[in-house]
């Protein structure tokens, strides 16, 4: 039991932050999403969303492609394979820790 709880100390803090976890969870459910969709769905400000996406991109968890649709900028985001793996590990760690923390 204590080993599962102790694994929480090793949890990936990049995606553990609530705003970034929200972004990663949303991207895990879709092939890709545009910035506006993420902005609307998360309720984050554009600046805050941009900062969190940059941190996720730097970690290699999110790929960002900036193009134009006509004259308008279009920012598309998708979860990388590394991002999916980190999210799955995060889920397993949290499940194990929460299960270990409950008593029957």
PDB file of N, CA and C in Angstrom:
ATOM      1  N   UNK A   1       0.820  -1.194   0.000  1.00  0.00           N
ATOM      2  CA  UNK A   1       0.000   0.000   0.000  1.00  0.00           C
ATOM      3  C   UNK A   1       0.861   1.254   0.000  1.00  0.00           C
ATOM      4  N   UNK A   2       1.849   1.349   0.877  1.00  0.00           N
ATOM      5  CA  UNK A   2       2.638   2.575   0.974  1.00  0.00           C
ATOM      6  C   UNK A   2       3.444   2.844  -0.296  1.00  0.00           C
ATOM      7  N   UNK A   3       3.830   1.811  -1.031  1.00  0.00           N
ATOM      8  CA  UNK A   3       4.579   2.013  -2.276  1.00  0.00           C
ATOM      9  C   UNK A   3       3.716   2.742  -3.297  1.00  0.00           C
ATOM     10  N   UNK A   4       2.419   2.405  -3.352  1.00  0.00           N
ATOM     11  CA  UNK A   4       1.514   3.086  -4.283  1.00  0.00           C
ATOM     12  C   UNK A   4       1.333   4.553  -3.899  1.00  0.00           C
ATOM     13  N   UNK A   5       1.221   4.803  -2.619  1.00  0.00           N
ATOM     14  CA  UNK A   5       1.098   6.179  -2.147  1.00  0.00           C
ATOM     15  C   UNK A   5       2.384   6.945  -2.417  1.00  0.00           C
ATOM     16  N   UNK A   6       3.530   6.321  -2.177  1.00  0.00           N
ATOM     17  CA  UNK A   6       4.817   6.985  -2.367  1.00  0.00           C
ATOM     18  C   UNK A   6       5.075   7.330  -3.827  1.00  0.00           C
ATOM     19  N   UNK A   7       4.461   6.589  -4.762  1.00  0.00           N
ATOM     20  CA  UNK A   7       4.636   6.906  -6.187  1.00  0.00           C
ATOM     21  C   UNK A   7       4.092   8.291  -6.523  1.00  0.00           C
ATOM     22  N   UNK A   8       3.184   8.807  -5.690  1.00  0.00           N
ATOM     23  CA  UNK A   8       2.657  10.155  -5.927  1.00  0.00           C
ATOM     24  C   UNK A   8       3.762  11.205  -5.909  1.00  0.00           C
ATOM     25  N   UNK A   9       4.809  10.968  -5.148  1.00  0.00           N
ATOM     26  CA  UNK A   9       5.920  11.910  -5.082  1.00  0.00           C
ATOM     27  C   UNK A   9       6.672  11.983  -6.403  1.00  0.00           C
ATOM     28  N   UNK A  10       6.527  10.944  -7.225  1.00  0.00           N
ATOM     29  CA  UNK A  10       7.228  10.892  -8.512  1.00  0.00           C
ATOM     30  C   UNK A  10       6.334  11.275  -9.691  1.00  0.00           C
ATOM     31  N   UNK A  11       5.130  11.720  -9.408  1.00  0.00           N
ATOM     32  CA  UNK A  11       4.178  12.011 -10.483  1.00  0.00           C
ATOM     33  C   UNK A  11       4.698  13.147 -11.366  1.00  0.00           C
ATOM     34  N   UNK A  12       4.390  13.078 -12.632  1.00  0.00           N
ATOM     35  CA  UNK A  12       4.836  14.089 -13.598  1.00  0.00           C
ATOM     36  C   UNK A  12       4.127  15.414 -13.304  1.00  0.00           C
ATOM     37  N   UNK A  13       4.886  16.364 -12.821  1.00  0.00           N
ATOM     38  CA  UNK A  13       4.298  17.656 -12.432  1.00  0.00           C
ATOM     39  C   UNK A  13       3.924  18.527 -13.625  1.00  0.00           C
ATOM     40  N   UNK A  14       4.445  18.199 -14.788  1.00  0.00           N
ATOM     41  CA  UNK A  14       4.078  18.981 -15.979  1.00  0.00           C
ATOM     42  C   UNK A  14       2.587  18.810 -16.258  1.00  0.00           C
ATOM     43  N   UNK A  15       2.083  17.583 -16.218  1.00  0.00           N
ATOM     44  CA  UNK A  15       0.650  17.408 -16.494  1.00  0.00           C
ATOM     45  C   UNK A  15      -0.198  17.392 -15.224  1.00  0.00           C
ATOM     46  N   UNK A  16       0.423  17.347 -14.063  1.00  0.00           N
ATOM     47  CA  UNK A  16      -0.338  17.323 -12.811  1.00  0.00           C
ATOM     48  C   UNK A  16      -0.997  18.675 -12.537  1.00  0.00           C
ATOM     49  N   UNK A  17      -0.426  19.753 -13.047  1.00  0.00           N
ATOM     50  CA  UNK A  17      -1.002  21.081 -12.859  1.00  0.00           C
ATOM     51  C   UNK A  17      -2.406  21.068 -13.481  1.00  0.00           C
ATOM     52  N   UNK A  18      -3.443  21.523 -12.756  1.00  0.00           N
ATOM     53  CA  UNK A  18      -4.827  21.368 -13.223  1.00  0.00           C
ATOM     54  C   UNK A  18      -5.124  21.876 -14.631  1.00  0.00           C
ATOM     55  N   UNK A  19      -4.629  23.035 -15.001  1.00  0.00           N
ATOM     56  CA  UNK A  19      -4.916  23.564 -16.342  1.00  0.00           C
ATOM     57  C   UNK A  19      -4.293  22.672 -17.415  1.00  0.00           C
ATOM     58  N   UNK A  20      -3.065  22.234 -17.194  1.00  0.00           N
ATOM     59  CA  UNK A  20      -2.413  21.370 -18.181  1.00  0.00           C
ATOM     60  C   UNK A  20      -3.055  19.992 -18.224  1.00  0.00           C
ATOM     61  N   UNK A  21      -3.495  19.489 -17.089  1.00  0.00           N
ATOM     62  CA  UNK A  21      -4.193  18.202 -17.066  1.00  0.00           C
ATOM     63  C   UNK A  21      -5.495  18.301 -17.859  1.00  0.00           C
ATOM     64  N   UNK A  22      -6.184  19.419 -17.725  1.00  0.00           N
ATOM     65  CA  UNK A  22      -7.409  19.652 -18.490  1.00  0.00           C
ATOM     66  C   UNK A  22      -7.120  19.621 -19.990  1.00  0.00           C
ATOM     67  N   UNK A  23      -6.075  20.293 -20.407  1.00  0.00           N
ATOM     68  CA  UNK A  23      -5.697  20.359 -21.821  1.00  0.00           C
ATOM     69  C   UNK A  23      -5.338  18.968 -22.336  1.00  0.00           C
ATOM     70  N   UNK A  24      -4.509  18.253 -21.598  1.00  0.00           N
ATOM     71  CA  UNK A  24      -4.074  16.916 -22.017  1.00  0.00           C
ATOM     72  C   UNK A  24      -5.269  15.962 -22.085  1.00  0.00           C
ATOM     73  N   UNK A  25      -6.159  16.042 -21.106  1.00  0.00           N
ATOM     74  CA  UNK A  25      -7.340  15.175 -21.105  1.00  0.00           C
ATOM     75  C   UNK A  25      -8.230  15.467 -22.313  1.00  0.00           C
ATOM     76  N   UNK A  26      -8.403  16.726 -22.646  1.00  0.00           N
ATOM     77  CA  UNK A  26      -9.198  17.085 -23.827  1.00  0.00           C
ATOM     78  C   UNK A  26      -8.546  16.573 -25.105  1.00  0.00           C
ATOM     79  N   UNK A  27      -7.239  16.764 -25.223  1.00  0.00           N
ATOM     80  CA  UNK A  27      -6.543  16.334 -26.435  1.00  0.00           C
ATOM     81  C   UNK A  27      -6.484  14.811 -26.556  1.00  0.00           C
ATOM     82  N   UNK A  28      -6.550  14.103 -25.436  1.00  0.00           N
ATOM     83  CA  UNK A  28      -6.529  12.641 -25.474  1.00  0.00           C
ATOM     84  C   UNK A  28      -7.822  12.090 -26.088  1.00  0.00           C
ATOM     85  N   UNK A  29      -8.879  12.882 -26.035  1.00  0.00           N
ATOM     86  CA  UNK A  29     -10.183  12.433 -26.516  1.00  0.00           C
ATOM     87  C   UNK A  29     -10.429  12.732 -27.997  1.00  0.00           C
ATOM     88  N   UNK A  30      -9.536  13.497 -28.620  1.00  0.00           N
ATOM     89  CA  UNK A  30      -9.717  13.887 -30.018  1.00  0.00           C
ATOM     90  C   UNK A  30      -8.421  13.691 -30.799  1.00  0.00           C
ATOM     91  N   UNK A  31      -8.533  13.691 -32.107  1.00  0.00           N
ATOM     92  CA  UNK A  31      -7.334  13.576 -32.945  1.00  0.00           C
ATOM     93  C   UNK A  31      -6.503  14.855 -32.828  1.00  0.00           C
ATOM     94  N   UNK A  32      -7.180  15.992 -32.912  1.00  0.00           N
ATOM     95  CA  UNK A  32      -6.541  17.296 -32.751  1.00  0.00           C
ATOM     96  C   UNK A  32      -7.616  18.318 -32.424  1.00  0.00           C
ATOM     97  N   UNK A  33      -7.196  19.458 -31.917  1.00  0.00           N
ATOM     98  CA  UNK A  33      -8.141  20.518 -31.571  1.00  0.00           C
ATOM     99  C   UNK A  33      -7.502  21.864 -31.857  1.00  0.00           C
ATOM    100  N   UNK A  34      -8.338  22.813 -32.257  1.00  0.00           N
ATOM    101  CA  UNK A  34      -7.783  24.141 -32.498  1.00  0.00           C
ATOM    102  C   UNK A  34      -7.763  24.944 -31.197  1.00  0.00           C
ATOM    103  N   UNK A  35      -6.985  26.001 -31.222  1.00  0.00           N
ATOM    104  CA  UNK A  35      -6.785  26.832 -30.038  1.00  0.00           C
ATOM    105  C   UNK A  35      -8.114  27.366 -29.515  1.00  0.00           C
ATOM    106  N   UNK A  36      -8.979  27.791 -30.416  1.00  0.00           N
ATOM    107  CA  UNK A  36     -10.261  28.370 -30.003  1.00  0.00           C
ATOM    108  C   UNK A  36     -11.118  27.353 -29.256  1.00  0.00           C
ATOM    109  N   UNK A  37     -11.131  26.110 -29.736  1.00  0.00           N
ATOM    110  CA  UNK A  37     -11.876  25.048 -29.050  1.00  0.00           C
ATOM    111  C   UNK A  37     -11.334  24.851 -27.640  1.00  0.00           C
ATOM    112  N   UNK A  38     -10.009  24.772 -27.503  1.00  0.00           N
ATOM    113  CA  UNK A  38      -9.401  24.592 -26.188  1.00  0.00           C
ATOM    114  C   UNK A  38      -9.697  25.786 -25.285  1.00  0.00           C
ATOM    115  N   UNK A  39      -9.642  26.968 -25.842  1.00  0.00           N
ATOM    116  CA  UNK A  39      -9.928  28.192 -25.090  1.00  0.00           C
ATOM    117  C   UNK A  39     -11.360  28.160 -24.551  1.00  0.00           C
ATOM    118  N   UNK A  40     -12.299  27.848 -25.414  1.00  0.00           N
ATOM    119  CA  UNK A  40     -13.710  27.823 -25.027  1.00  0.00           C
ATOM    120  C   UNK A  40     -14.001  26.708 -24.031  1.00  0.00           C
ATOM    121  N   UNK A  41     -13.460  25.533 -24.281  1.00  0.00           N
ATOM    122  CA  UNK A  41     -13.762  24.366 -23.453  1.00  0.00           C
ATOM    123  C   UNK A  41     -13.122  24.444 -22.069  1.00  0.00           C
ATOM    124  N   UNK A  42     -11.902  24.928 -21.993  1.00  0.00           N
ATOM    125  CA  UNK A  42     -11.207  24.983 -20.698  1.00  0.00           C
ATOM    126  C   UNK A  42     -11.610  26.187 -19.864  1.00  0.00           C
ATOM    127  N   UNK A  43     -12.011  27.273 -20.515  1.00  0.00           N
ATOM    128  CA  UNK A  43     -12.332  28.491 -19.793  1.00  0.00           C
ATOM    129  C   UNK A  43     -11.104  29.291 -19.391  1.00  0.00           C
ATOM    130  N   UNK A  44      -9.936  28.868 -19.860  1.00  0.00           N
ATOM    131  CA  UNK A  44      -8.701  29.598 -19.580  1.00  0.00           C
ATOM    132  C   UNK A  44      -8.640  30.850 -20.450  1.00  0.00           C
ATOM    133  N   UNK A  45      -7.914  31.849 -19.986  1.00  0.00           N
ATOM    134  CA  UNK A  45      -7.699  33.015 -20.837  1.00  0.00           C
ATOM    135  C   UNK A  45      -6.790  32.597 -21.987  1.00  0.00           C
ATOM    136  N   UNK A  46      -6.788  33.370 -23.052  1.00  0.00           N
ATOM    137  CA  UNK A  46      -5.937  33.033 -24.196  1.00  0.00           C
ATOM    138  C   UNK A  46      -4.465  33.023 -23.803  1.00  0.00           C
ATOM    139  N   UNK A  47      -4.060  33.991 -23.002  1.00  0.00           N
ATOM    140  CA  UNK A  47      -2.668  34.060 -22.566  1.00  0.00           C
ATOM    141  C   UNK A  47      -2.276  32.881 -21.693  1.00  0.00           C
ATOM    142  N   UNK A  48      -3.156  32.527 -20.759  1.00  0.00           N
ATOM    143  CA  UNK A  48      -2.887  31.404 -19.866  1.00  0.00           C
ATOM    144  C   UNK A  48      -2.841  30.103 -20.655  1.00  0.00           C
ATOM    145  N   UNK A  49      -3.782  29.908 -21.563  1.00  0.00           N
ATOM    146  CA  UNK A  49      -3.795  28.714 -22.398  1.00  0.00           C
ATOM    147  C   UNK A  49      -2.519  28.628 -23.224  1.00  0.00           C
ATOM    148  N   UNK A  50      -2.105  29.733 -23.790  1.00  0.00           N
ATOM    149  CA  UNK A  50      -0.898  29.769 -24.605  1.00  0.00           C
ATOM    150  C   UNK A  50       0.337  29.363 -23.798  1.00  0.00           C
ATOM    151  N   UNK A  51       0.453  29.864 -22.576  1.00  0.00           N
ATOM    152  CA  UNK A  51       1.595  29.530 -21.715  1.00  0.00           C
ATOM    153  C   UNK A  51       1.591  28.033 -21.393  1.00  0.00           C
ATOM    154  N   UNK A  52       0.432  27.489 -21.040  1.00  0.00           N
ATOM    155  CA  UNK A  52       0.350  26.073 -20.696  1.00  0.00           C
ATOM    156  C   UNK A  52       0.629  25.181 -21.905  1.00  0.00           C
ATOM    157  N   UNK A  53       0.135  25.576 -23.069  1.00  0.00           N
ATOM    158  CA  UNK A  53       0.427  24.807 -24.283  1.00  0.00           C
ATOM    159  C   UNK A  53       1.924  24.824 -24.580  1.00  0.00           C
ATOM    160  N   UNK A  54       2.559  25.957 -24.373  1.00  0.00           N
ATOM    161  CA  UNK A  54       4.008  26.056 -24.595  1.00  0.00           C
ATOM    162  C   UNK A  54       4.766  25.116 -23.673  1.00  0.00           C
ATOM    163  N   UNK A  55       4.366  25.039 -22.415  1.00  0.00           N
ATOM    164  CA  UNK A  55       5.028  24.136 -21.467  1.00  0.00           C
ATOM    165  C   UNK A  55       4.833  22.683 -21.880  1.00  0.00           C
ATOM    166  N   UNK A  56       3.635  22.345 -22.332  1.00  0.00           N
ATOM    167  CA  UNK A  56       3.365  20.981 -22.781  1.00  0.00           C
ATOM    168  C   UNK A  56       4.145  20.661 -24.049  1.00  0.00           C
ATOM    169  N   UNK A  57       4.284  21.646 -24.930  1.00  0.00           N
ATOM    170  CA  UNK A  57       5.052  21.452 -26.161  1.00  0.00           C
ATOM    171  C   UNK A  57       6.540  21.274 -25.834  1.00  0.00           C
ATOM    172  N   UNK A  58       7.068  22.086 -24.921  1.00  0.00           N
ATOM    173  CA  UNK A  58       8.476  21.974 -24.521  1.00  0.00           C
ATOM    174  C   UNK A  58       8.780  20.596 -23.930  1.00  0.00           C
ATOM    175  N   UNK A  59       7.808  20.031 -23.224  1.00  0.00           N
ATOM    176  CA  UNK A  59       7.988  18.713 -22.619  1.00  0.00           C
ATOM    177  C   UNK A  59       7.845  17.592 -23.644  1.00  0.00           C
ATOM    178  N   UNK A  60       7.351  17.928 -24.841  1.00  0.00           N
ATOM    179  CA  UNK A  60       7.168  16.931 -25.885  1.00  0.00           C
ATOM    180  C   UNK A  60       5.832  16.209 -25.808  1.00  0.00           C
ATOM    181  N   UNK A  61       4.905  16.735 -25.006  1.00  0.00           N
ATOM    182  CA  UNK A  61       3.615  16.083 -24.817  1.00  0.00           C
ATOM    183  C   UNK A  61       2.558  16.539 -25.818  1.00  0.00           C
ATOM    184  N   UNK A  62       2.746  17.731 -26.367  1.00  0.00           N
ATOM    185  CA  UNK A  62       1.788  18.301 -27.313  1.00  0.00           C
ATOM    186  C   UNK A  62       2.545  18.815 -28.527  1.00  0.00           C
ATOM    187  N   UNK A  63       1.976  18.562 -29.703  1.00  0.00           N
ATOM    188  CA  UNK A  63       2.520  19.127 -30.944  1.00  0.00           C
ATOM    189  C   UNK A  63       1.601  20.266 -31.370  1.00  0.00           C
ATOM    190  N   UNK A  64       2.189  21.375 -31.754  1.00  0.00           N
ATOM    191  CA  UNK A  64       1.422  22.553 -32.153  1.00  0.00           C
ATOM    192  C   UNK A  64       1.807  22.937 -33.570  1.00  0.00           C
ATOM    193  N   UNK A  65       0.796  23.134 -34.403  1.00  0.00           N
ATOM    194  CA  UNK A  65       1.021  23.541 -35.788  1.00  0.00           C
ATOM    195  C   UNK A  65       0.273  24.846 -36.036  1.00  0.00           C
ATOM    196  N   UNK A  66       1.019  25.869 -36.443  1.00  0.00           N
ATOM    197  CA  UNK A  66       0.421  27.182 -36.718  1.00  0.00           C
ATOM    198  C   UNK A  66       0.385  27.412 -38.216  1.00  0.00           C
ATOM    199  N   UNK A  67      -0.813  27.628 -38.724  1.00  0.00           N
ATOM    200  CA  UNK A  67      -1.018  27.897 -40.148  1.00  0.00           C
ATOM    201  C   UNK A  67      -2.035  29.026 -40.274  1.00  0.00           C
ATOM    202  N   UNK A  68      -2.543  29.182 -41.477  1.00  0.00           N
ATOM    203  CA  UNK A  68      -3.602  30.152 -41.720  1.00  0.00           C
ATOM    204  C   UNK A  68      -4.760  29.474 -42.419  1.00  0.00           C
ATOM    205  N   UNK A  69      -5.957  29.883 -42.085  1.00  0.00           N
ATOM    206  CA  UNK A  69      -7.161  29.479 -42.802  1.00  0.00           C
ATOM    207  C   UNK A  69      -7.650  30.759 -43.470  1.00  0.00           C
ATOM    208  N   UNK A  70      -7.330  30.864 -44.760  1.00  0.00           N
ATOM    209  CA  UNK A  70      -7.566  32.138 -45.434  1.00  0.00           C
ATOM    210  C   UNK A  70      -6.605  33.159 -44.859  1.00  0.00           C
ATOM    211  N   UNK A  71      -7.157  34.253 -44.355  1.00  0.00           N
ATOM    212  CA  UNK A  71      -6.332  35.297 -43.754  1.00  0.00           C
ATOM    213  C   UNK A  71      -6.238  35.174 -42.240  1.00  0.00           C
ATOM    214  N   UNK A  72      -6.879  34.167 -41.671  1.00  0.00           N
ATOM    215  CA  UNK A  72      -6.941  34.038 -40.217  1.00  0.00           C
ATOM    216  C   UNK A  72      -5.953  32.984 -39.703  1.00  0.00           C
ATOM    217  N   UNK A  73      -5.251  33.307 -38.613  1.00  0.00           N
ATOM    218  CA  UNK A  73      -4.324  32.337 -38.044  1.00  0.00           C
ATOM    219  C   UNK A  73      -5.095  31.137 -37.477  1.00  0.00           C
ATOM    220  N   UNK A  74      -4.509  29.966 -37.616  1.00  0.00           N
ATOM    221  CA  UNK A  74      -5.106  28.740 -37.110  1.00  0.00           C
ATOM    222  C   UNK A  74      -4.027  27.965 -36.362  1.00  0.00           C
ATOM    223  N   UNK A  75      -4.272  27.714 -35.093  1.00  0.00           N
ATOM    224  CA  UNK A  75      -3.342  26.949 -34.273  1.00  0.00           C
ATOM    225  C   UNK A  75      -3.991  25.619 -33.927  1.00  0.00           C
ATOM    226  N   UNK A  76      -3.389  24.535 -34.414  1.00  0.00           N
ATOM    227  CA  UNK A  76      -3.902  23.190 -34.154  1.00  0.00           C
ATOM    228  C   UNK A  76      -2.993  22.489 -33.157  1.00  0.00           C
ATOM    229  N   UNK A  77      -3.590  21.773 -32.229  1.00  0.00           N
ATOM    230  CA  UNK A  77      -2.842  21.079 -31.181  1.00  0.00           C
ATOM    231  C   UNK A  77      -3.243  19.605 -31.165  1.00  0.00           C
ATOM    232  N   UNK A  78      -2.258  18.759 -30.914  1.00  0.00           N
ATOM    233  CA  UNK A  78      -2.553  17.331 -30.770  1.00  0.00           C
ATOM    234  C   UNK A  78      -1.620  16.754 -29.722  1.00  0.00           C
ATOM    235  N   UNK A  79      -2.087  15.701 -29.086  1.00  0.00           N
ATOM    236  CA  UNK A  79      -1.286  15.004 -28.095  1.00  0.00           C
ATOM    237  C   UNK A  79      -0.307  14.093 -28.818  1.00  0.00           C
ATOM    238  N   UNK A  80       0.953  14.121 -28.433  1.00  0.00           N
ATOM    239  CA  UNK A  80       1.964  13.253 -29.038  1.00  0.00           C
ATOM    240  C   UNK A  80       1.874  11.862 -28.407  1.00  0.00           C
ATOM    241  N   UNK A  81       2.591  10.912 -28.996  1.00  0.00           N
ATOM    242  CA  UNK A  81       2.643   9.568 -28.413  1.00  0.00           C
ATOM    243  C   UNK A  81       3.248   9.633 -27.014  1.00  0.00           C
ATOM    244  N   UNK A  82       4.260  10.452 -26.839  1.00  0.00           N
ATOM    245  CA  UNK A  82       4.871  10.618 -25.514  1.00  0.00           C
ATOM    246  C   UNK A  82       3.843  11.190 -24.537  1.00  0.00           C
ATOM    247  N   UNK A  83       3.058  12.147 -25.008  1.00  0.00           N
ATOM    248  CA  UNK A  83       2.017  12.730 -24.169  1.00  0.00           C
ATOM    249  C   UNK A  83       0.976  11.703 -23.753  1.00  0.00           C
ATOM    250  N   UNK A  84       0.587  10.833 -24.696  1.00  0.00           N
ATOM    251  CA  UNK A  84      -0.380   9.770 -24.373  1.00  0.00           C
ATOM    252  C   UNK A  84       0.203   8.805 -23.337  1.00  0.00           C
ATOM    253  N   UNK A  85       1.464   8.464 -23.504  1.00  0.00           N
ATOM    254  CA  UNK A  85       2.117   7.548 -22.565  1.00  0.00           C
ATOM    255  C   UNK A  85       2.205   8.157 -21.168  1.00  0.00           C
ATOM    256  N   UNK A  86       2.555   9.433 -21.096  1.00  0.00           N
ATOM    257  CA  UNK A  86       2.667  10.114 -19.808  1.00  0.00           C
ATOM    258  C   UNK A  86       1.292  10.209 -19.145  1.00  0.00           C
ATOM    259  N   UNK A  87       0.268  10.491 -19.934  1.00  0.00           N
ATOM    260  CA  UNK A  87      -1.088  10.566 -19.380  1.00  0.00           C
ATOM    261  C   UNK A  87      -1.527   9.203 -18.856  1.00  0.00           C
ATOM    262  N   UNK A  88      -1.236   8.148 -19.588  1.00  0.00           N
ATOM    263  CA  UNK A  88      -1.602   6.805 -19.131  1.00  0.00           C
ATOM    264  C   UNK A  88      -0.879   6.450 -17.834  1.00  0.00           C
ATOM    265  N   UNK A  89       0.403   6.782 -17.744  1.00  0.00           N
ATOM    266  CA  UNK A  89       1.154   6.539 -16.518  1.00  0.00           C
ATOM    267  C   UNK A  89       0.574   7.357 -15.361  1.00  0.00           C
ATOM    268  N   UNK A  90       0.202   8.579 -15.650  1.00  0.00           N
ATOM    269  CA  UNK A  90      -0.422   9.444 -14.640  1.00  0.00           C
ATOM    270  C   UNK A  90      -1.713   8.811 -14.125  1.00  0.00           C
ATOM    271  N   UNK A  91      -2.540   8.338 -15.045  1.00  0.00           N
ATOM    272  CA  UNK A  91      -3.803   7.694 -14.658  1.00  0.00           C
ATOM    273  C   UNK A  91      -3.556   6.476 -13.772  1.00  0.00           C
ATOM    274  N   UNK A  92      -2.618   5.636 -14.177  1.00  0.00           N
ATOM    275  CA  UNK A  92      -2.318   4.424 -13.397  1.00  0.00           C
ATOM    276  C   UNK A  92      -1.823   4.782 -12.002  1.00  0.00           C
ATOM    277  N   UNK A  93      -0.939   5.760 -11.928  1.00  0.00           N
ATOM    278  CA  UNK A  93      -0.398   6.176 -10.633  1.00  0.00           C
ATOM    279  C   UNK A  93      -1.507   6.708  -9.733  1.00  0.00           C
ATOM    280  N   UNK A  94      -2.363   7.554 -10.257  1.00  0.00           N
ATOM    281  CA  UNK A  94      -3.449   8.124  -9.469  1.00  0.00           C
ATOM    282  C   UNK A  94      -4.432   7.045  -9.029  1.00  0.00           C
ATOM    283  N   UNK A  95      -4.781   6.134  -9.936  1.00  0.00           N
ATOM    284  CA  UNK A  95      -5.699   5.043  -9.567  1.00  0.00           C
ATOM    285  C   UNK A  95      -5.118   4.197  -8.436  1.00  0.00           C
ATOM    286  N   UNK A  96      -3.860   3.816  -8.576  1.00  0.00           N
ATOM    287  CA  UNK A  96      -3.204   2.989  -7.554  1.00  0.00           C
ATOM    288  C   UNK A  96      -3.157   3.710  -6.211  1.00  0.00           C
ATOM    289  N   UNK A  97      -2.807   4.973  -6.240  1.00  0.00           N
ATOM    290  CA  UNK A  97      -2.696   5.735  -4.996  1.00  0.00           C
ATOM    291  C   UNK A  97      -4.060   5.916  -4.342  1.00  0.00           C
ATOM    292  N   UNK A  98      -5.078   6.206  -5.137  1.00  0.00           N
ATOM    293  CA  UNK A  98      -6.410   6.394  -4.578  1.00  0.00           C
ATOM    294  C   UNK A  98      -6.987   5.083  -4.049  1.00  0.00           C
ATOM    295  N   UNK A  99      -6.709   4.017  -4.764  1.00  0.00           N
ATOM    296  CA  UNK A  99      -7.169   2.708  -4.306  1.00  0.00           C
ATOM    297  C   UNK A  99      -6.479   2.325  -3.004  1.00  0.00           C
ATOM    298  N   UNK A 100      -5.178   2.591  -2.920  1.00  0.00           N
ATOM    299  CA  UNK A 100      -4.416   2.268  -1.724  1.00  0.00           C
ATOM    300  C   UNK A 100      -4.851   3.110  -0.541  1.00  0.00           C
ATOM    301  N   UNK A 101      -5.348   4.293  -0.819  1.00  0.00           N
ATOM    302  CA  UNK A 101      -5.747   5.206   0.242  1.00  0.00           C
ATOM    303  C   UNK A 101      -7.139   4.942   0.798  1.00  0.00           C
ATOM    304  N   UNK A 102      -7.888   4.033   0.182  1.00  0.00           N
ATOM    305  CA  UNK A 102      -9.230   3.718   0.663  1.00  0.00           C
ATOM    306  C   UNK A 102      -9.209   2.445   1.482  1.00  0.00           C
ATOM    307  N   UNK A 103     -10.115   2.373   2.397  1.00  0.00           N
ATOM    308  CA  UNK A 103     -10.213   1.165   3.232  1.00  0.00           C
ATOM    309  C   UNK A 103     -11.547   0.502   2.954  1.00  0.00           C
ATOM    310  N   UNK A 104     -11.521  -0.799   2.878  1.00  0.00           N
ATOM    311  CA  UNK A 104     -12.767  -1.542   2.632  1.00  0.00           C
ATOM    312  C   UNK A 104     -13.588  -1.680   3.891  1.00  0.00           C
TER     313      UNK A 104
END
